Amino acid sequence: MTERKKKVAQEAADIVAAAENTVKKISKKAAAKTEDVEEKKPARRKKAVSAVVYVQYAGSEYVVSGLSEKVTAAYEAEGNKASAIKTLEIYVKPEEGKAYYVVNGDAEGKSVEL
């Protein structure tokens, strides 16, 4: 072989060796990430606490724990979609036996019975 061919062959061998080293490094990193993913345990979900909220006023007792569902149902009964609710404010007035609500900042004196 001529000197030039030997030099080109050596450069080609160097490039192949560098490529193989790069592939090995990438493979090691990928394997390490895969092991990390396999070792991680799924996050534990907290159990929802079941709560019932009572309001006692002037000898009467009102259950208000399901009030947001009741308000959402009333809002839908007006022809609106529940998915349109972005903010919901509920004001409980036990002396009237009602809860007034404001959906998305629109206060029109809407109420539901407690």
PDB file of N, CA and C in Angstrom:
ATOM      1  N   MET A   1       0.833  -1.180   0.000  1.00  0.00           N
ATOM      2  CA  MET A   1       0.000   0.000   0.000  1.00  0.00           C
ATOM      3  C   MET A   1       0.875   1.240   0.000  1.00  0.00           C
ATOM      4  N   THR A   2       0.329   2.229  -0.610  1.00  0.00           N
ATOM      5  CA  THR A   2       1.079   3.485  -0.614  1.00  0.00           C
ATOM      6  C   THR A   2       0.879   4.178   0.715  1.00  0.00           C
ATOM      7  N   GLU A   3       1.719   5.115   0.941  1.00  0.00           N
ATOM      8  CA  GLU A   3       1.669   5.868   2.197  1.00  0.00           C
ATOM      9  C   GLU A   3       0.321   6.590   2.342  1.00  0.00           C
ATOM     10  N   ARG A   4      -0.196   7.148   1.279  1.00  0.00           N
ATOM     11  CA  ARG A   4      -1.477   7.873   1.306  1.00  0.00           C
ATOM     12  C   ARG A   4      -2.614   6.919   1.653  1.00  0.00           C
ATOM     13  N   LYS A   5      -2.646   5.734   1.066  1.00  0.00           N
ATOM     14  CA  LYS A   5      -3.696   4.760   1.340  1.00  0.00           C
ATOM     15  C   LYS A   5      -3.644   4.307   2.788  1.00  0.00           C
ATOM     16  N   LYS A   6      -2.445   4.130   3.320  1.00  0.00           N
ATOM     17  CA  LYS A   6      -2.305   3.738   4.726  1.00  0.00           C
ATOM     18  C   LYS A   6      -2.857   4.835   5.637  1.00  0.00           C
ATOM     19  N   LYS A   7      -2.574   6.083   5.288  1.00  0.00           N
ATOM     20  CA  LYS A   7      -3.037   7.214   6.092  1.00  0.00           C
ATOM     21  C   LYS A   7      -4.572   7.292   6.066  1.00  0.00           C
ATOM     22  N   VAL A   8      -5.176   7.145   4.886  1.00  0.00           N
ATOM     23  CA  VAL A   8      -6.637   7.167   4.744  1.00  0.00           C
ATOM     24  C   VAL A   8      -7.253   6.000   5.506  1.00  0.00           C
ATOM     25  N   ALA A   9      -6.656   4.828   5.411  1.00  0.00           N
ATOM     26  CA  ALA A   9      -7.172   3.654   6.121  1.00  0.00           C
ATOM     27  C   ALA A   9      -7.104   3.871   7.629  1.00  0.00           C
ATOM     28  N   GLN A  10      -6.024   4.474   8.107  1.00  0.00           N
ATOM     29  CA  GLN A  10      -5.884   4.746   9.541  1.00  0.00           C
ATOM     30  C   GLN A  10      -6.925   5.767   9.998  1.00  0.00           C
ATOM     31  N   GLU A  11      -7.168   6.815   9.203  1.00  0.00           N
ATOM     32  CA  GLU A  11      -8.188   7.819   9.539  1.00  0.00           C
ATOM     33  C   GLU A  11      -9.572   7.183   9.585  1.00  0.00           C
ATOM     34  N   ALA A  12      -9.839   6.306   8.623  1.00  0.00           N
ATOM     35  CA  ALA A  12     -11.128   5.606   8.603  1.00  0.00           C
ATOM     36  C   ALA A  12     -11.275   4.732   9.845  1.00  0.00           C
ATOM     37  N   ALA A  13     -10.232   4.047  10.238  1.00  0.00           N
ATOM     38  CA  ALA A  13     -10.267   3.199  11.437  1.00  0.00           C
ATOM     39  C   ALA A  13     -10.486   4.045  12.679  1.00  0.00           C
ATOM     40  N   ASP A  14      -9.849   5.213  12.730  1.00  0.00           N
ATOM     41  CA  ASP A  14     -10.037   6.128  13.867  1.00  0.00           C
ATOM     42  C   ASP A  14     -11.480   6.620  13.956  1.00  0.00           C
ATOM     43  N   ILE A  15     -12.057   6.943  12.799  1.00  0.00           N
ATOM     44  CA  ILE A  15     -13.454   7.413  12.773  1.00  0.00           C
ATOM     45  C   ILE A  15     -14.398   6.304  13.237  1.00  0.00           C
ATOM     46  N   VAL A  16     -14.162   5.096  12.771  1.00  0.00           N
ATOM     47  CA  VAL A  16     -14.998   3.953  13.179  1.00  0.00           C
ATOM     48  C   VAL A  16     -14.868   3.726  14.680  1.00  0.00           C
ATOM     49  N   ALA A  17     -13.656   3.807  15.218  1.00  0.00           N
ATOM     50  CA  ALA A  17     -13.444   3.607  16.655  1.00  0.00           C
ATOM     51  C   ALA A  17     -14.150   4.688  17.459  1.00  0.00           C
ATOM     52  N   ALA A  18     -14.075   5.936  16.991  1.00  0.00           N
ATOM     53  CA  ALA A  18     -14.744   7.044  17.681  1.00  0.00           C
ATOM     54  C   ALA A  18     -16.255   6.840  17.663  1.00  0.00           C
ATOM     55  N   ALA A  19     -16.786   6.401  16.525  1.00  0.00           N
ATOM     56  CA  ALA A  19     -18.220   6.150  16.413  1.00  0.00           C
ATOM     57  C   ALA A  19     -18.651   5.032  17.352  1.00  0.00           C
ATOM     58  N   GLU A  20     -17.850   3.978  17.438  1.00  0.00           N
ATOM     59  CA  GLU A  20     -18.173   2.869  18.340  1.00  0.00           C
ATOM     60  C   GLU A  20     -18.164   3.334  19.793  1.00  0.00           C
ATOM     61  N   ASN A  21     -17.213   4.181  20.169  1.00  0.00           N
ATOM     62  CA  ASN A  21     -17.166   4.712  21.539  1.00  0.00           C
ATOM     63  C   ASN A  21     -18.398   5.556  21.833  1.00  0.00           C
ATOM     64  N   THR A  22     -18.806   6.364  20.857  1.00  0.00           N
ATOM     65  CA  THR A  22     -19.995   7.191  21.033  1.00  0.00           C
ATOM     66  C   THR A  22     -21.237   6.320  21.221  1.00  0.00           C
ATOM     67  N   VAL A  23     -21.347   5.273  20.424  1.00  0.00           N
ATOM     68  CA  VAL A  23     -22.486   4.349  20.532  1.00  0.00           C
ATOM     69  C   VAL A  23     -22.489   3.684  21.900  1.00  0.00           C
ATOM     70  N   LYS A  24     -21.338   3.292  22.399  1.00  0.00           N
ATOM     71  CA  LYS A  24     -21.241   2.658  23.724  1.00  0.00           C
ATOM     72  C   LYS A  24     -21.687   3.621  24.817  1.00  0.00           C
ATOM     73  N   LYS A  25     -21.250   4.882  24.726  1.00  0.00           N
ATOM     74  CA  LYS A  25     -21.631   5.882  25.733  1.00  0.00           C
ATOM     75  C   LYS A  25     -23.138   6.109  25.724  1.00  0.00           C
ATOM     76  N   ILE A  26     -23.687   6.238  24.535  1.00  0.00           N
ATOM     77  CA  ILE A  26     -25.137   6.456  24.418  1.00  0.00           C
ATOM     78  C   ILE A  26     -25.890   5.246  24.950  1.00  0.00           C
ATOM     79  N   SER A  27     -25.418   4.064  24.647  1.00  0.00           N
ATOM     80  CA  SER A  27     -26.062   2.840  25.126  1.00  0.00           C
ATOM     81  C   SER A  27     -26.034   2.764  26.644  1.00  0.00           C
ATOM     82  N   LYS A  28     -24.896   3.140  27.248  1.00  0.00           N
ATOM     83  CA  LYS A  28     -24.794   3.128  28.709  1.00  0.00           C
ATOM     84  C   LYS A  28     -25.767   4.117  29.334  1.00  0.00           C
ATOM     85  N   LYS A  29     -25.853   5.324  28.749  1.00  0.00           N
ATOM     86  CA  LYS A  29     -26.770   6.335  29.269  1.00  0.00           C
ATOM     87  C   LYS A  29     -28.218   5.870  29.151  1.00  0.00           C
ATOM     88  N   ALA A  30     -28.560   5.293  28.018  1.00  0.00           N
ATOM     89  CA  ALA A  30     -29.921   4.803  27.804  1.00  0.00           C
ATOM     90  C   ALA A  30     -30.252   3.685  28.785  1.00  0.00           C
ATOM     91  N   ALA A  31     -29.305   2.797  29.013  1.00  0.00           N
ATOM     92  CA  ALA A  31     -29.523   1.699  29.956  1.00  0.00           C
ATOM     93  C   ALA A  31     -29.697   2.235  31.370  1.00  0.00           C
ATOM     94  N   ALA A  32     -28.913   3.241  31.733  1.00  0.00           N
ATOM     95  CA  ALA A  32     -29.020   3.830  33.068  1.00  0.00           C
ATOM     96  C   ALA A  32     -30.379   4.495  33.248  1.00  0.00           C
ATOM     97  N   LYS A  33     -30.851   5.211  32.218  1.00  0.00           N
ATOM     98  CA  LYS A  33     -32.164   5.858  32.307  1.00  0.00           C
ATOM     99  C   LYS A  33     -33.271   4.825  32.413  1.00  0.00           C
ATOM    100  N   THR A  34     -33.147   3.748  31.672  1.00  0.00           N
ATOM    101  CA  THR A  34     -34.148   2.683  31.721  1.00  0.00           C
ATOM    102  C   THR A  34     -34.202   2.074  33.114  1.00  0.00           C
ATOM    103  N   GLU A  35     -33.036   1.849  33.731  1.00  0.00           N
ATOM    104  CA  GLU A  35     -33.002   1.298  35.089  1.00  0.00           C
ATOM    105  C   GLU A  35     -33.612   2.272  36.074  1.00  0.00           C
ATOM    106  N   ASP A  36     -33.345   3.574  35.903  1.00  0.00           N
ATOM    107  CA  ASP A  36     -33.922   4.588  36.793  1.00  0.00           C
ATOM    108  C   ASP A  36     -35.440   4.575  36.710  1.00  0.00           C
ATOM    109  N   VAL A  37     -35.963   4.476  35.501  1.00  0.00           N
ATOM    110  CA  VAL A  37     -37.409   4.464  35.315  1.00  0.00           C
ATOM    111  C   VAL A  37     -38.008   3.219  35.944  1.00  0.00           C
ATOM    112  N   GLU A  38     -37.348   2.080  35.791  1.00  0.00           N
ATOM    113  CA  GLU A  38     -37.867   0.834  36.342  1.00  0.00           C
ATOM    114  C   GLU A  38     -37.810   0.839  37.864  1.00  0.00           C
ATOM    115  N   GLU A  39     -36.811   1.509  38.451  1.00  0.00           N
ATOM    116  CA  GLU A  39     -36.662   1.514  39.902  1.00  0.00           C
ATOM    117  C   GLU A  39     -37.649   2.444  40.593  1.00  0.00           C
ATOM    118  N   LYS A  40     -38.097   3.481  39.884  1.00  0.00           N
ATOM    119  CA  LYS A  40     -39.026   4.427  40.497  1.00  0.00           C
ATOM    120  C   LYS A  40     -40.373   3.754  40.722  1.00  0.00           C
ATOM    121  N   LYS A  41     -40.885   3.940  41.905  1.00  0.00           N
ATOM    122  CA  LYS A  41     -42.187   3.374  42.225  1.00  0.00           C
ATOM    123  C   LYS A  41     -43.251   4.410  41.889  1.00  0.00           C
ATOM    124  N   PRO A  42     -44.412   3.966  41.502  1.00  0.00           N
ATOM    125  CA  PRO A  42     -45.478   4.927  41.221  1.00  0.00           C
ATOM    126  C   PRO A  42     -45.866   5.666  42.499  1.00  0.00           C
ATOM    127  N   ALA A  43     -46.221   6.914  42.340  1.00  0.00           N
ATOM    128  CA  ALA A  43     -46.602   7.732  43.496  1.00  0.00           C
ATOM    129  C   ALA A  43     -47.879   7.179  44.119  1.00  0.00           C
ATOM    130  N   ARG A  44     -47.887   7.180  45.406  1.00  0.00           N
ATOM    131  CA  ARG A  44     -49.089   6.715  46.105  1.00  0.00           C
ATOM    132  C   ARG A  44     -50.144   7.806  46.078  1.00  0.00           C
ATOM    133  N   ARG A  45     -51.338   7.391  45.812  1.00  0.00           N
ATOM    134  CA  ARG A  45     -52.448   8.343  45.804  1.00  0.00           C
ATOM    135  C   ARG A  45     -53.031   8.426  47.197  1.00  0.00           C
ATOM    136  N   LYS A  46     -53.317   9.635  47.587  1.00  0.00           N
ATOM    137  CA  LYS A  46     -53.949   9.828  48.892  1.00  0.00           C
ATOM    138  C   LYS A  46     -55.421   9.468  48.772  1.00  0.00           C
ATOM    139  N   LYS A  47     -55.917   8.835  49.787  1.00  0.00           N
ATOM    140  CA  LYS A  47     -57.327   8.486  49.795  1.00  0.00           C
ATOM    141  C   LYS A  47     -58.138   9.733  50.079  1.00  0.00           C
ATOM    142  N   ALA A  48     -59.222   9.888  49.341  1.00  0.00           N
ATOM    143  CA  ALA A  48     -60.099  11.031  49.557  1.00  0.00           C
ATOM    144  C   ALA A  48     -60.859  10.826  50.862  1.00  0.00           C
ATOM    145  N   VAL A  49     -60.949  11.877  51.618  1.00  0.00           N
ATOM    146  CA  VAL A  49     -61.666  11.824  52.879  1.00  0.00           C
ATOM    147  C   VAL A  49     -63.118  12.164  52.607  1.00  0.00           C
ATOM    148  N   SER A  50     -63.995  11.323  53.076  1.00  0.00           N
ATOM    149  CA  SER A  50     -65.414  11.585  52.928  1.00  0.00           C
ATOM    150  C   SER A  50     -65.856  12.491  54.072  1.00  0.00           C
ATOM    151  N   ALA A  51     -66.377  13.652  53.716  1.00  0.00           N
ATOM    152  CA  ALA A  51     -66.789  14.606  54.748  1.00  0.00           C
ATOM    153  C   ALA A  51     -68.202  15.088  54.473  1.00  0.00           C
ATOM    154  N   VAL A  52     -68.959  15.248  55.517  1.00  0.00           N
ATOM    155  CA  VAL A  52     -70.292  15.816  55.434  1.00  0.00           C
ATOM    156  C   VAL A  52     -70.273  17.089  56.277  1.00  0.00           C
ATOM    157  N   VAL A  53     -70.672  18.197  55.657  1.00  0.00           N
ATOM    158  CA  VAL A  53     -70.651  19.483  56.354  1.00  0.00           C
ATOM    159  C   VAL A  53     -72.084  19.877  56.693  1.00  0.00           C
ATOM    160  N   TYR A  54     -72.303  20.164  57.974  1.00  0.00           N
ATOM    161  CA  TYR A  54     -73.615  20.592  58.450  1.00  0.00           C
ATOM    162  C   TYR A  54     -73.509  22.029  58.918  1.00  0.00           C
ATOM    163  N   VAL A  55     -74.561  22.797  58.650  1.00  0.00           N
ATOM    164  CA  VAL A  55     -74.666  24.148  59.201  1.00  0.00           C
ATOM    165  C   VAL A  55     -75.895  24.137  60.096  1.00  0.00           C
ATOM    166  N   GLN A  56     -75.676  24.485  61.362  1.00  0.00           N
ATOM    167  CA  GLN A  56     -76.785  24.546  62.307  1.00  0.00           C
ATOM    168  C   GLN A  56     -77.042  26.012  62.644  1.00  0.00           C
ATOM    169  N   TYR A  57     -78.319  26.398  62.495  1.00  0.00           N
ATOM    170  CA  TYR A  57     -78.656  27.804  62.717  1.00  0.00           C
ATOM    171  C   TYR A  57     -80.113  27.900  63.163  1.00  0.00           C
ATOM    172  N   ALA A  58     -80.338  28.577  64.234  1.00  0.00           N
ATOM    173  CA  ALA A  58     -81.684  28.864  64.745  1.00  0.00           C
ATOM    174  C   ALA A  58     -82.560  27.617  64.800  1.00  0.00           C
ATOM    175  N   GLY A  59     -82.033  26.535  65.334  1.00  0.00           N
ATOM    176  CA  GLY A  59     -82.801  25.313  65.503  1.00  0.00           C
ATOM    177  C   GLY A  59     -82.943  24.478  64.239  1.00  0.00           C
ATOM    178  N   SER A  60     -82.345  24.901  63.157  1.00  0.00           N
ATOM    179  CA  SER A  60     -82.406  24.141  61.903  1.00  0.00           C
ATOM    180  C   SER A  60     -81.017  23.606  61.563  1.00  0.00           C
ATOM    181  N   GLU A  61     -81.006  22.550  60.794  1.00  0.00           N
ATOM    182  CA  GLU A  61     -79.740  21.963  60.381  1.00  0.00           C
ATOM    183  C   GLU A  61     -79.779  21.746  58.868  1.00  0.00           C
ATOM    184  N   TYR A  62     -78.701  22.175  58.183  1.00  0.00           N
ATOM    185  CA  TYR A  62     -78.606  22.060  56.737  1.00  0.00           C
ATOM    186  C   TYR A  62     -77.343  21.289  56.368  1.00  0.00           C
ATOM    187  N   VAL A  63     -77.467  20.412  55.389  1.00  0.00           N
ATOM    188  CA  VAL A  63     -76.308  19.689  54.878  1.00  0.00           C
ATOM    189  C   VAL A  63     -75.796  20.481  53.677  1.00  0.00           C
ATOM    190  N   VAL A  64     -74.535  20.906  53.742  1.00  0.00           N
ATOM    191  CA  VAL A  64     -73.989  21.711  52.648  1.00  0.00           C
ATOM    192  C   VAL A  64     -72.810  21.047  51.943  1.00  0.00           C
ATOM    193  N   SER A  65     -72.489  19.805  52.313  1.00  0.00           N
ATOM    194  CA  SER A  65     -71.315  19.164  51.720  1.00  0.00           C
ATOM    195  C   SER A  65     -71.468  18.904  50.230  1.00  0.00           C
ATOM    196  N   GLY A  66     -72.638  18.684  49.723  1.00  0.00           N
ATOM    197  CA  GLY A  66     -72.845  18.433  48.303  1.00  0.00           C
ATOM    198  C   GLY A  66     -73.325  19.664  47.565  1.00  0.00           C
ATOM    199  N   LEU A  67     -73.051  20.804  48.128  1.00  0.00           N
ATOM    200  CA  LEU A  67     -73.580  22.046  47.586  1.00  0.00           C
ATOM    201  C   LEU A  67     -73.015  22.392  46.207  1.00  0.00           C
ATOM    202  N   SER A  68     -71.739  22.140  45.974  1.00  0.00           N
ATOM    203  CA  SER A  68     -71.175  22.480  44.663  1.00  0.00           C
ATOM    204  C   SER A  68     -71.808  21.632  43.564  1.00  0.00           C
ATOM    205  N   GLU A  69     -72.123  20.369  43.859  1.00  0.00           N
ATOM    206  CA  GLU A  69     -72.803  19.526  42.881  1.00  0.00           C
ATOM    207  C   GLU A  69     -74.213  20.045  42.610  1.00  0.00           C
ATOM    208  N   LYS A  70     -74.879  20.487  43.670  1.00  0.00           N
ATOM    209  CA  LYS A  70     -76.224  21.022  43.542  1.00  0.00           C
ATOM    210  C   LYS A  70     -76.210  22.300  42.706  1.00  0.00           C
ATOM    211  N   VAL A  71     -75.234  23.157  42.954  1.00  0.00           N
ATOM    212  CA  VAL A  71     -75.108  24.405  42.205  1.00  0.00           C
ATOM    213  C   VAL A  71     -74.785  24.112  40.739  1.00  0.00           C
ATOM    214  N   THR A  72     -73.903  23.163  40.497  1.00  0.00           N
ATOM    215  CA  THR A  72     -73.549  22.791  39.115  1.00  0.00           C
ATOM    216  C   THR A  72     -74.780  22.275  38.379  1.00  0.00           C
ATOM    217  N   ALA A  73     -75.590  21.466  39.047  1.00  0.00           N
ATOM    218  CA  ALA A  73     -76.811  20.941  38.428  1.00  0.00           C
ATOM    219  C   ALA A  73     -77.783  22.077  38.104  1.00  0.00           C
ATOM    220  N   ALA A  74     -77.919  23.046  39.017  1.00  0.00           N
ATOM    221  CA  ALA A  74     -78.802  24.186  38.775  1.00  0.00           C
ATOM    222  C   ALA A  74     -78.287  25.025  37.606  1.00  0.00           C
ATOM    223  N   TYR A  75     -76.987  25.187  37.526  1.00  0.00           N
ATOM    224  CA  TYR A  75     -76.378  25.944  36.431  1.00  0.00           C
ATOM    225  C   TYR A  75     -76.634  25.251  35.096  1.00  0.00           C
ATOM    226  N   GLU A  76     -76.519  23.928  35.069  1.00  0.00           N
ATOM    227  CA  GLU A  76     -76.799  23.174  33.850  1.00  0.00           C
ATOM    228  C   GLU A  76     -78.278  23.239  33.490  1.00  0.00           C
ATOM    229  N   ALA A  77     -79.165  23.255  34.499  1.00  0.00           N
ATOM    230  CA  ALA A  77     -80.603  23.332  34.254  1.00  0.00           C
ATOM    231  C   ALA A  77     -80.981  24.646  33.580  1.00  0.00           C
ATOM    232  N   GLU A  78     -80.143  25.660  33.741  1.00  0.00           N
ATOM    233  CA  GLU A  78     -80.385  26.950  33.093  1.00  0.00           C
ATOM    234  C   GLU A  78     -79.960  26.933  31.621  1.00  0.00           C
ATOM    235  N   GLY A  79     -79.426  25.790  31.160  1.00  0.00           N
ATOM    236  CA  GLY A  79     -79.018  25.662  29.773  1.00  0.00           C
ATOM    237  C   GLY A  79     -77.533  25.870  29.542  1.00  0.00           C
ATOM    238  N   ASN A  80     -76.757  25.912  30.607  1.00  0.00           N
ATOM    239  CA  ASN A  80     -75.309  26.096  30.497  1.00  0.00           C
ATOM    240  C   ASN A  80     -74.602  24.752  30.588  1.00  0.00           C
ATOM    241  N   LYS A  81     -73.340  24.740  30.163  1.00  0.00           N
ATOM    242  CA  LYS A  81     -72.536  23.530  30.270  1.00  0.00           C
ATOM    243  C   LYS A  81     -71.671  23.614  31.522  1.00  0.00           C
ATOM    244  N   ALA A  82     -71.566  22.507  32.258  1.00  0.00           N
ATOM    245  CA  ALA A  82     -70.739  22.470  33.470  1.00  0.00           C
ATOM    246  C   ALA A  82     -69.280  22.728  33.139  1.00  0.00           C
ATOM    247  N   SER A  83     -68.857  22.336  31.943  1.00  0.00           N
ATOM    248  CA  SER A  83     -67.462  22.543  31.549  1.00  0.00           C
ATOM    249  C   SER A  83     -67.130  24.030  31.377  1.00  0.00           C
ATOM    250  N   ALA A  84     -68.150  24.881  31.295  1.00  0.00           N
ATOM    251  CA  ALA A  84     -67.934  26.321  31.151  1.00  0.00           C
ATOM    252  C   ALA A  84     -67.599  26.987  32.485  1.00  0.00           C
ATOM    253  N   ILE A  85     -67.761  26.265  33.596  1.00  0.00           N
ATOM    254  CA  ILE A  85     -67.490  26.834  34.913  1.00  0.00           C
ATOM    255  C   ILE A  85     -65.984  26.929  35.120  1.00  0.00           C
ATOM    256  N   LYS A  86     -65.500  28.148  35.277  1.00  0.00           N
ATOM    257  CA  LYS A  86     -64.088  28.386  35.563  1.00  0.00           C
ATOM    258  C   LYS A  86     -63.901  28.736  37.040  1.00  0.00           C
ATOM    259  N   THR A  87     -64.796  29.561  37.559  1.00  0.00           N
ATOM    260  CA  THR A  87     -64.768  29.905  38.987  1.00  0.00           C
ATOM    261  C   THR A  87     -66.177  29.749  39.543  1.00  0.00           C
ATOM    262  N   LEU A  88     -66.243  29.344  40.788  1.00  0.00           N
ATOM    263  CA  LEU A  88     -67.531  29.132  41.439  1.00  0.00           C
ATOM    264  C   LEU A  88     -67.438  29.647  42.874  1.00  0.00           C
ATOM    265  N   GLU A  89     -68.302  30.603  43.187  1.00  0.00           N
ATOM    266  CA  GLU A  89     -68.367  31.148  44.548  1.00  0.00           C
ATOM    267  C   GLU A  89     -69.751  30.820  45.113  1.00  0.00           C
ATOM    268  N   ILE A  90     -69.780  30.303  46.345  1.00  0.00           N
ATOM    269  CA  ILE A  90     -71.042  29.920  46.975  1.00  0.00           C
ATOM    270  C   ILE A  90     -71.157  30.645  48.303  1.00  0.00           C
ATOM    271  N   TYR A  91     -72.283  31.298  48.512  1.00  0.00           N
ATOM    272  CA  TYR A  91     -72.543  32.038  49.744  1.00  0.00           C
ATOM    273  C   TYR A  91     -73.737  31.391  50.437  1.00  0.00           C
ATOM    274  N   VAL A  92     -73.529  30.825  51.619  1.00  0.00           N
ATOM    275  CA  VAL A  92     -74.569  30.124  52.352  1.00  0.00           C
ATOM    276  C   VAL A  92     -75.265  31.100  53.298  1.00  0.00           C
ATOM    277  N   LYS A  93     -76.614  31.150  53.197  1.00  0.00           N
ATOM    278  CA  LYS A  93     -77.410  32.004  54.082  1.00  0.00           C
ATOM    279  C   LYS A  93     -78.415  31.107  54.803  1.00  0.00           C
ATOM    280  N   PRO A  94     -77.988  30.549  55.954  1.00  0.00           N
ATOM    281  CA  PRO A  94     -78.864  29.608  56.652  1.00  0.00           C
ATOM    282  C   PRO A  94     -80.166  30.243  57.142  1.00  0.00           C
ATOM    283  N   GLU A  95     -80.164  31.547  57.415  1.00  0.00           N
ATOM    284  CA  GLU A  95     -81.398  32.184  57.874  1.00  0.00           C
ATOM    285  C   GLU A  95     -82.470  32.161  56.790  1.00  0.00           C
ATOM    286  N   GLU A  96     -82.067  32.061  55.517  1.00  0.00           N
ATOM    287  CA  GLU A  96     -83.013  31.971  54.407  1.00  0.00           C
ATOM    288  C   GLU A  96     -83.177  30.531  53.911  1.00  0.00           C
ATOM    289  N   GLY A  97     -82.266  29.644  54.344  1.00  0.00           N
ATOM    290  CA  GLY A  97     -82.304  28.267  53.875  1.00  0.00           C
ATOM    291  C   GLY A  97     -81.862  28.148  52.421  1.00  0.00           C
ATOM    292  N   LYS A  98     -81.018  29.092  51.979  1.00  0.00           N
ATOM    293  CA  LYS A  98     -80.577  29.115  50.590  1.00  0.00           C
ATOM    294  C   LYS A  98     -79.072  29.314  50.508  1.00  0.00           C
ATOM    295  N   ALA A  99     -78.549  28.987  49.352  1.00  0.00           N
ATOM    296  CA  ALA A  99     -77.156  29.277  49.031  1.00  0.00           C
ATOM    297  C   ALA A  99     -77.164  30.020  47.705  1.00  0.00           C
ATOM    298  N   TYR A 100     -76.514  31.149  47.679  1.00  0.00           N
ATOM    299  CA  TYR A 100     -76.414  31.948  46.462  1.00  0.00           C
ATOM    300  C   TYR A 100     -75.076  31.640  45.808  1.00  0.00           C
ATOM    301  N   TYR A 101     -75.060  31.664  44.487  1.00  0.00           N
ATOM    302  CA  TYR A 101     -73.823  31.319  43.804  1.00  0.00           C
ATOM    303  C   TYR A 101     -73.521  32.278  42.663  1.00  0.00           C
ATOM    304  N   VAL A 102     -72.223  32.389  42.394  1.00  0.00           N
ATOM    305  CA  VAL A 102     -71.707  33.222  41.316  1.00  0.00           C
ATOM    306  C   VAL A 102     -70.804  32.334  40.470  1.00  0.00           C
ATOM    307  N   VAL A 103     -71.125  32.240  39.178  1.00  0.00           N
ATOM    308  CA  VAL A 103     -70.333  31.431  38.254  1.00  0.00           C
ATOM    309  C   VAL A 103     -69.583  32.376  37.317  1.00  0.00           C
ATOM    310  N   ASN A 104     -68.270  32.224  37.277  1.00  0.00           N
ATOM    311  CA  ASN A 104     -67.407  33.022  36.401  1.00  0.00           C
ATOM    312  C   ASN A 104     -67.608  34.520  36.584  1.00  0.00           C
ATOM    313  N   GLY A 105     -67.862  34.946  37.810  1.00  0.00           N
ATOM    314  CA  GLY A 105     -67.996  36.366  38.112  1.00  0.00           C
ATOM    315  C   GLY A 105     -69.337  36.962  37.733  1.00  0.00           C
ATOM    316  N   ASP A 106     -70.275  36.162  37.255  1.00  0.00           N
ATOM    317  CA  ASP A 106     -71.584  36.637  36.830  1.00  0.00           C
ATOM    318  C   ASP A 106     -72.580  36.495  37.973  1.00  0.00           C
ATOM    319  N   ALA A 107     -72.840  37.589  38.706  1.00  0.00           N
ATOM    320  CA  ALA A 107     -73.735  37.558  39.860  1.00  0.00           C
ATOM    321  C   ALA A 107     -75.121  38.068  39.440  1.00  0.00           C
ATOM    322  N   GLU A 108     -76.063  37.151  39.346  1.00  0.00           N
ATOM    323  CA  GLU A 108     -77.421  37.513  38.966  1.00  0.00           C
ATOM    324  C   GLU A 108     -78.435  37.086  40.025  1.00  0.00           C
ATOM    325  N   GLY A 109     -78.030  36.925  41.260  1.00  0.00           N
ATOM    326  CA  GLY A 109     -78.940  36.520  42.319  1.00  0.00           C
ATOM    327  C   GLY A 109     -79.428  35.093  42.184  1.00  0.00           C
ATOM    328  N   LYS A 110     -78.596  34.202  41.667  1.00  0.00           N
ATOM    329  CA  LYS A 110     -78.956  32.790  41.507  1.00  0.00           C
ATOM    330  C   LYS A 110     -78.830  32.083  42.848  1.00  0.00           C
ATOM    331  N   SER A 111     -79.783  31.194  43.137  1.00  0.00           N
ATOM    332  CA  SER A 111     -79.726  30.489  44.415  1.00  0.00           C
ATOM    333  C   SER A 111     -80.241  29.072  44.283  1.00  0.00           C
ATOM    334  N   VAL A 112     -79.900  28.263  45.286  1.00  0.00           N
ATOM    335  CA  VAL A 112     -80.416  26.903  45.412  1.00  0.00           C
ATOM    336  C   VAL A 112     -80.858  26.720  46.860  1.00  0.00           C
ATOM    337  N   GLU A 113     -81.804  25.816  47.051  1.00  0.00           N
ATOM    338  CA  GLU A 113     -82.275  25.503  48.402  1.00  0.00           C
ATOM    339  C   GLU A 113     -81.235  24.636  49.093  1.00  0.00           C
ATOM    340  N   LEU A 114     -81.056  24.852  50.385  1.00  0.00           N
ATOM    341  CA  LEU A 114     -80.124  24.008  51.156  1.00  0.00           C
ATOM    342  C   LEU A 114     -80.750  22.707  51.461  1.00  0.00           C
TER     343      LEU A 114
END
